[in-house]
């Protein structure tokens, strides 16, 4: 994933595509996330550090 694409739309989805997403079960969504190489589960230490940084601002 390119840093320049974060937060930008990747195109317009058709009604058919939206219906596909609406029909996904929670299990399907979790499996898709688990199989996506751009996602990761942050460690408890990393989450704690992020919470502390947010609390400072």
PDB file of N, CA and C in Angstrom:
ATOM      1  N   UNK A   1       0.842  -1.175   0.000  1.00  0.00           N
ATOM      2  CA  UNK A   1       0.000   0.000   0.000  1.00  0.00           C
ATOM      3  C   UNK A   1       0.883   1.233   0.000  1.00  0.00           C
ATOM      4  N   UNK A   2       0.561   2.142  -0.846  1.00  0.00           N
ATOM      5  CA  UNK A   2       1.326   3.373  -0.932  1.00  0.00           C
ATOM      6  C   UNK A   2       0.801   4.391   0.073  1.00  0.00           C
ATOM      7  N   UNK A   3       1.697   5.070   0.739  1.00  0.00           N
ATOM      8  CA  UNK A   3       1.298   6.085   1.719  1.00  0.00           C
ATOM      9  C   UNK A   3       0.451   7.184   1.078  1.00  0.00           C
ATOM     10  N   UNK A   4       0.644   7.430  -0.222  1.00  0.00           N
ATOM     11  CA  UNK A   4      -0.092   8.501  -0.875  1.00  0.00           C
ATOM     12  C   UNK A   4      -1.548   8.144  -1.117  1.00  0.00           C
ATOM     13  N   UNK A   5      -1.916   6.869  -0.980  1.00  0.00           N
ATOM     14  CA  UNK A   5      -3.297   6.453  -1.216  1.00  0.00           C
ATOM     15  C   UNK A   5      -4.142   6.409   0.047  1.00  0.00           C
ATOM     16  N   UNK A   6      -3.540   6.584   1.196  1.00  0.00           N
ATOM     17  CA  UNK A   6      -4.277   6.473   2.444  1.00  0.00           C
ATOM     18  C   UNK A   6      -5.329   7.579   2.529  1.00  0.00           C
ATOM     19  N   UNK A   7      -6.554   7.161   2.785  1.00  0.00           N
ATOM     20  CA  UNK A   7      -7.652   8.108   2.959  1.00  0.00           C
ATOM     21  C   UNK A   7      -8.260   8.620   1.677  1.00  0.00           C
ATOM     22  N   UNK A   8      -7.753   8.172   0.531  1.00  0.00           N
ATOM     23  CA  UNK A   8      -8.307   8.623  -0.743  1.00  0.00           C
ATOM     24  C   UNK A   8      -9.215   7.548  -1.322  1.00  0.00           C
ATOM     25  N   UNK A   9     -10.316   7.945  -1.965  1.00  0.00           N
ATOM     26  CA  UNK A   9     -11.189   6.946  -2.569  1.00  0.00           C
ATOM     27  C   UNK A   9     -10.470   6.201  -3.686  1.00  0.00           C
ATOM     28  N   UNK A  10     -10.819   4.934  -3.850  1.00  0.00           N
ATOM     29  CA  UNK A  10     -10.161   4.136  -4.889  1.00  0.00           C
ATOM     30  C   UNK A  10     -11.061   3.926  -6.092  1.00  0.00           C
ATOM     31  N   UNK A  11     -12.127   4.638  -6.169  1.00  0.00           N
ATOM     32  CA  UNK A  11     -13.020   4.519  -7.310  1.00  0.00           C
ATOM     33  C   UNK A  11     -14.462   4.438  -6.841  1.00  0.00           C
ATOM     34  N   UNK A  12     -15.341   4.431  -7.799  1.00  0.00           N
ATOM     35  CA  UNK A  12     -16.761   4.368  -7.501  1.00  0.00           C
ATOM     36  C   UNK A  12     -17.232   2.934  -7.652  1.00  0.00           C
ATOM     37  N   UNK A  13     -17.867   2.428  -6.633  1.00  0.00           N
ATOM     38  CA  UNK A  13     -18.387   1.067  -6.690  1.00  0.00           C
ATOM     39  C   UNK A  13     -19.790   1.071  -7.280  1.00  0.00           C
ATOM     40  N   UNK A  14     -20.078   0.051  -8.051  1.00  0.00           N
ATOM     41  CA  UNK A  14     -21.406  -0.089  -8.629  1.00  0.00           C
ATOM     42  C   UNK A  14     -22.373  -0.596  -7.574  1.00  0.00           C
ATOM     43  N   UNK A  15     -23.671  -0.510  -7.860  1.00  0.00           N
ATOM     44  CA  UNK A  15     -24.671  -1.051  -6.938  1.00  0.00           C
ATOM     45  C   UNK A  15     -24.436  -2.540  -6.711  1.00  0.00           C
ATOM     46  N   UNK A  16     -24.033  -3.243  -7.760  1.00  0.00           N
ATOM     47  CA  UNK A  16     -23.775  -4.684  -7.640  1.00  0.00           C
ATOM     48  C   UNK A  16     -22.637  -4.948  -6.649  1.00  0.00           C
ATOM     49  N   UNK A  17     -21.589  -4.145  -6.733  1.00  0.00           N
ATOM     50  CA  UNK A  17     -20.465  -4.312  -5.808  1.00  0.00           C
ATOM     51  C   UNK A  17     -20.902  -4.027  -4.376  1.00  0.00           C
ATOM     52  N   UNK A  18     -21.702  -2.985  -4.169  1.00  0.00           N
ATOM     53  CA  UNK A  18     -22.169  -2.676  -2.815  1.00  0.00           C
ATOM     54  C   UNK A  18     -23.017  -3.809  -2.265  1.00  0.00           C
ATOM     55  N   UNK A  19     -23.860  -4.423  -3.114  1.00  0.00           N
ATOM     56  CA  UNK A  19     -24.675  -5.554  -2.660  1.00  0.00           C
ATOM     57  C   UNK A  19     -23.787  -6.696  -2.206  1.00  0.00           C
ATOM     58  N   UNK A  20     -22.687  -6.920  -2.910  1.00  0.00           N
ATOM     59  CA  UNK A  20     -21.744  -7.968  -2.509  1.00  0.00           C
ATOM     60  C   UNK A  20     -21.203  -7.684  -1.112  1.00  0.00           C
ATOM     61  N   UNK A  21     -20.807  -6.436  -0.851  1.00  0.00           N
ATOM     62  CA  UNK A  21     -20.260  -6.092   0.459  1.00  0.00           C
ATOM     63  C   UNK A  21     -21.318  -6.211   1.548  1.00  0.00           C
ATOM     64  N   UNK A  22     -22.534  -5.792   1.246  1.00  0.00           N
ATOM     65  CA  UNK A  22     -23.606  -5.871   2.245  1.00  0.00           C
ATOM     66  C   UNK A  22     -23.933  -7.313   2.619  1.00  0.00           C
ATOM     67  N   UNK A  23     -23.723  -8.235   1.686  1.00  0.00           N
ATOM     68  CA  UNK A  23     -24.049  -9.640   1.926  1.00  0.00           C
ATOM     69  C   UNK A  23     -22.962 -10.401   2.685  1.00  0.00           C
ATOM     70  N   UNK A  24     -21.811  -9.769   2.931  1.00  0.00           N
ATOM     71  CA  UNK A  24     -20.729 -10.459   3.630  1.00  0.00           C
ATOM     72  C   UNK A  24     -21.085 -10.661   5.104  1.00  0.00           C
ATOM     73  N   UNK A  25     -20.792 -11.847   5.598  1.00  0.00           N
ATOM     74  CA  UNK A  25     -20.995 -12.118   7.020  1.00  0.00           C
ATOM     75  C   UNK A  25     -19.792 -11.581   7.799  1.00  0.00           C
ATOM     76  N   UNK A  26     -19.936 -11.509   9.110  1.00  0.00           N
ATOM     77  CA  UNK A  26     -18.807 -11.099   9.944  1.00  0.00           C
ATOM     78  C   UNK A  26     -17.623 -12.034   9.740  1.00  0.00           C
ATOM     79  N   UNK A  27     -17.916 -13.327   9.604  1.00  0.00           N
ATOM     80  CA  UNK A  27     -16.854 -14.312   9.376  1.00  0.00           C
ATOM     81  C   UNK A  27     -16.132 -14.041   8.052  1.00  0.00           C
ATOM     82  N   UNK A  28     -16.895 -13.699   7.003  1.00  0.00           N
ATOM     83  CA  UNK A  28     -16.286 -13.379   5.708  1.00  0.00           C
ATOM     84  C   UNK A  28     -15.379 -12.149   5.813  1.00  0.00           C
ATOM     85  N   UNK A  29     -15.841 -11.162   6.548  1.00  0.00           N
ATOM     86  CA  UNK A  29     -15.062  -9.929   6.706  1.00  0.00           C
ATOM     87  C   UNK A  29     -13.772 -10.213   7.479  1.00  0.00           C
ATOM     88  N   UNK A  30     -13.875 -10.982   8.565  1.00  0.00           N
ATOM     89  CA  UNK A  30     -12.676 -11.325   9.340  1.00  0.00           C
ATOM     90  C   UNK A  30     -11.673 -12.117   8.502  1.00  0.00           C
ATOM     91  N   UNK A  31     -12.177 -13.038   7.665  1.00  0.00           N
ATOM     92  CA  UNK A  31     -11.292 -13.831   6.808  1.00  0.00           C
ATOM     93  C   UNK A  31     -10.600 -12.938   5.785  1.00  0.00           C
ATOM     94  N   UNK A  32     -11.329 -11.976   5.216  1.00  0.00           N
ATOM     95  CA  UNK A  32     -10.739 -11.067   4.239  1.00  0.00           C
ATOM     96  C   UNK A  32      -9.653 -10.216   4.888  1.00  0.00           C
ATOM     97  N   UNK A  33      -9.896  -9.753   6.095  1.00  0.00           N
ATOM     98  CA  UNK A  33      -8.898  -8.961   6.814  1.00  0.00           C
ATOM     99  C   UNK A  33      -7.665  -9.812   7.117  1.00  0.00           C
ATOM    100  N   UNK A  34      -7.889 -11.041   7.570  1.00  0.00           N
ATOM    101  CA  UNK A  34      -6.776 -11.928   7.908  1.00  0.00           C
ATOM    102  C   UNK A  34      -5.918 -12.257   6.689  1.00  0.00           C
ATOM    103  N   UNK A  35      -6.525 -12.295   5.518  1.00  0.00           N
ATOM    104  CA  UNK A  35      -5.797 -12.638   4.291  1.00  0.00           C
ATOM    105  C   UNK A  35      -5.217 -11.423   3.571  1.00  0.00           C
ATOM    106  N   UNK A  36      -5.469 -10.220   4.083  1.00  0.00           N
ATOM    107  CA  UNK A  36      -4.976  -9.002   3.444  1.00  0.00           C
ATOM    108  C   UNK A  36      -3.557  -8.716   3.942  1.00  0.00           C
ATOM    109  N   UNK A  37      -2.577  -8.694   3.045  1.00  0.00           N
ATOM    110  CA  UNK A  37      -1.197  -8.481   3.483  1.00  0.00           C
ATOM    111  C   UNK A  37      -0.932  -7.073   4.024  1.00  0.00           C
ATOM    112  N   UNK A  38      -1.855  -6.138   3.800  1.00  0.00           N
ATOM    113  CA  UNK A  38      -1.659  -4.774   4.280  1.00  0.00           C
ATOM    114  C   UNK A  38      -2.222  -4.550   5.680  1.00  0.00           C
ATOM    115  N   UNK A  39      -2.767  -5.587   6.300  1.00  0.00           N
ATOM    116  CA  UNK A  39      -3.290  -5.436   7.652  1.00  0.00           C
ATOM    117  C   UNK A  39      -2.420  -6.188   8.653  1.00  0.00           C
ATOM    118  N   UNK A  40      -2.488  -5.799   9.895  1.00  0.00           N
ATOM    119  CA  UNK A  40      -1.739  -6.486  10.940  1.00  0.00           C
ATOM    120  C   UNK A  40      -2.444  -6.262  12.268  1.00  0.00           C
ATOM    121  N   UNK A  41      -2.160  -7.132  13.201  1.00  0.00           N
ATOM    122  CA  UNK A  41      -2.693  -7.000  14.553  1.00  0.00           C
ATOM    123  C   UNK A  41      -1.625  -6.328  15.400  1.00  0.00           C
ATOM    124  N   UNK A  42      -1.876  -5.090  15.838  1.00  0.00           N
ATOM    125  CA  UNK A  42      -0.858  -4.413  16.649  1.00  0.00           C
ATOM    126  C   UNK A  42      -0.692  -5.102  18.007  1.00  0.00           C
ATOM    127  N   UNK A  43       0.527  -5.077  18.488  1.00  0.00           N
ATOM    128  CA  UNK A  43       0.821  -5.691  19.787  1.00  0.00           C
ATOM    129  C   UNK A  43       0.211  -4.829  20.900  1.00  0.00           C
ATOM    130  N   UNK A  44      -0.022  -5.413  22.065  1.00  0.00           N
ATOM    131  CA  UNK A  44      -0.531  -4.626  23.194  1.00  0.00           C
ATOM    132  C   UNK A  44       0.385  -3.447  23.534  1.00  0.00           C
ATOM    133  N   UNK A  45       1.694  -3.655  23.401  1.00  0.00           N
ATOM    134  CA  UNK A  45       2.642  -2.573  23.687  1.00  0.00           C
ATOM    135  C   UNK A  45       2.457  -1.411  22.705  1.00  0.00           C
ATOM    136  N   UNK A  46       2.267  -1.744  21.430  1.00  0.00           N
ATOM    137  CA  UNK A  46       2.080  -0.701  20.416  1.00  0.00           C
ATOM    138  C   UNK A  46       0.770   0.053  20.650  1.00  0.00           C
ATOM    139  N   UNK A  47      -0.286  -0.671  21.015  1.00  0.00           N
ATOM    140  CA  UNK A  47      -1.562  -0.015  21.313  1.00  0.00           C
ATOM    141  C   UNK A  47      -1.439   0.897  22.526  1.00  0.00           C
ATOM    142  N   UNK A  48      -0.726   0.446  23.549  1.00  0.00           N
ATOM    143  CA  UNK A  48      -0.523   1.254  24.743  1.00  0.00           C
ATOM    144  C   UNK A  48       0.232   2.536  24.407  1.00  0.00           C
ATOM    145  N   UNK A  49       1.268   2.407  23.584  1.00  0.00           N
ATOM    146  CA  UNK A  49       2.053   3.575  23.183  1.00  0.00           C
ATOM    147  C   UNK A  49       1.182   4.556  22.401  1.00  0.00           C
ATOM    148  N   UNK A  50       0.347   4.049  21.506  1.00  0.00           N
ATOM    149  CA  UNK A  50      -0.534   4.914  20.716  1.00  0.00           C
ATOM    150  C   UNK A  50      -1.537   5.631  21.627  1.00  0.00           C
ATOM    151  N   UNK A  51      -2.070   4.922  22.597  1.00  0.00           N
ATOM    152  CA  UNK A  51      -3.019   5.547  23.539  1.00  0.00           C
ATOM    153  C   UNK A  51      -2.347   6.643  24.349  1.00  0.00           C
ATOM    154  N   UNK A  52      -1.124   6.406  24.763  1.00  0.00           N
ATOM    155  CA  UNK A  52      -0.395   7.419  25.530  1.00  0.00           C
ATOM    156  C   UNK A  52      -0.106   8.645  24.678  1.00  0.00           C
ATOM    157  N   UNK A  53       0.203   8.440  23.401  1.00  0.00           N
ATOM    158  CA  UNK A  53       0.484   9.568  22.514  1.00  0.00           C
ATOM    159  C   UNK A  53      -0.780  10.392  22.278  1.00  0.00           C
ATOM    160  N   UNK A  54      -1.923   9.726  22.128  1.00  0.00           N
ATOM    161  CA  UNK A  54      -3.192  10.435  21.932  1.00  0.00           C
ATOM    162  C   UNK A  54      -3.539  11.221  23.205  1.00  0.00           C
ATOM    163  N   UNK A  55      -3.302  10.634  24.345  1.00  0.00           N
ATOM    164  CA  UNK A  55      -3.627  11.297  25.615  1.00  0.00           C
ATOM    165  C   UNK A  55      -2.795  12.566  25.813  1.00  0.00           C
ATOM    166  N   UNK A  56      -1.596  12.624  25.252  1.00  0.00           N
ATOM    167  CA  UNK A  56      -0.738  13.795  25.383  1.00  0.00           C
ATOM    168  C   UNK A  56      -1.265  14.987  24.601  1.00  0.00           C
ATOM    169  N   UNK A  57      -2.020  14.724  23.528  1.00  0.00           N
ATOM    170  CA  UNK A  57      -2.476  15.825  22.663  1.00  0.00           C
ATOM    171  C   UNK A  57      -3.767  16.428  23.122  1.00  0.00           C
TER     172      UNK A  57
END
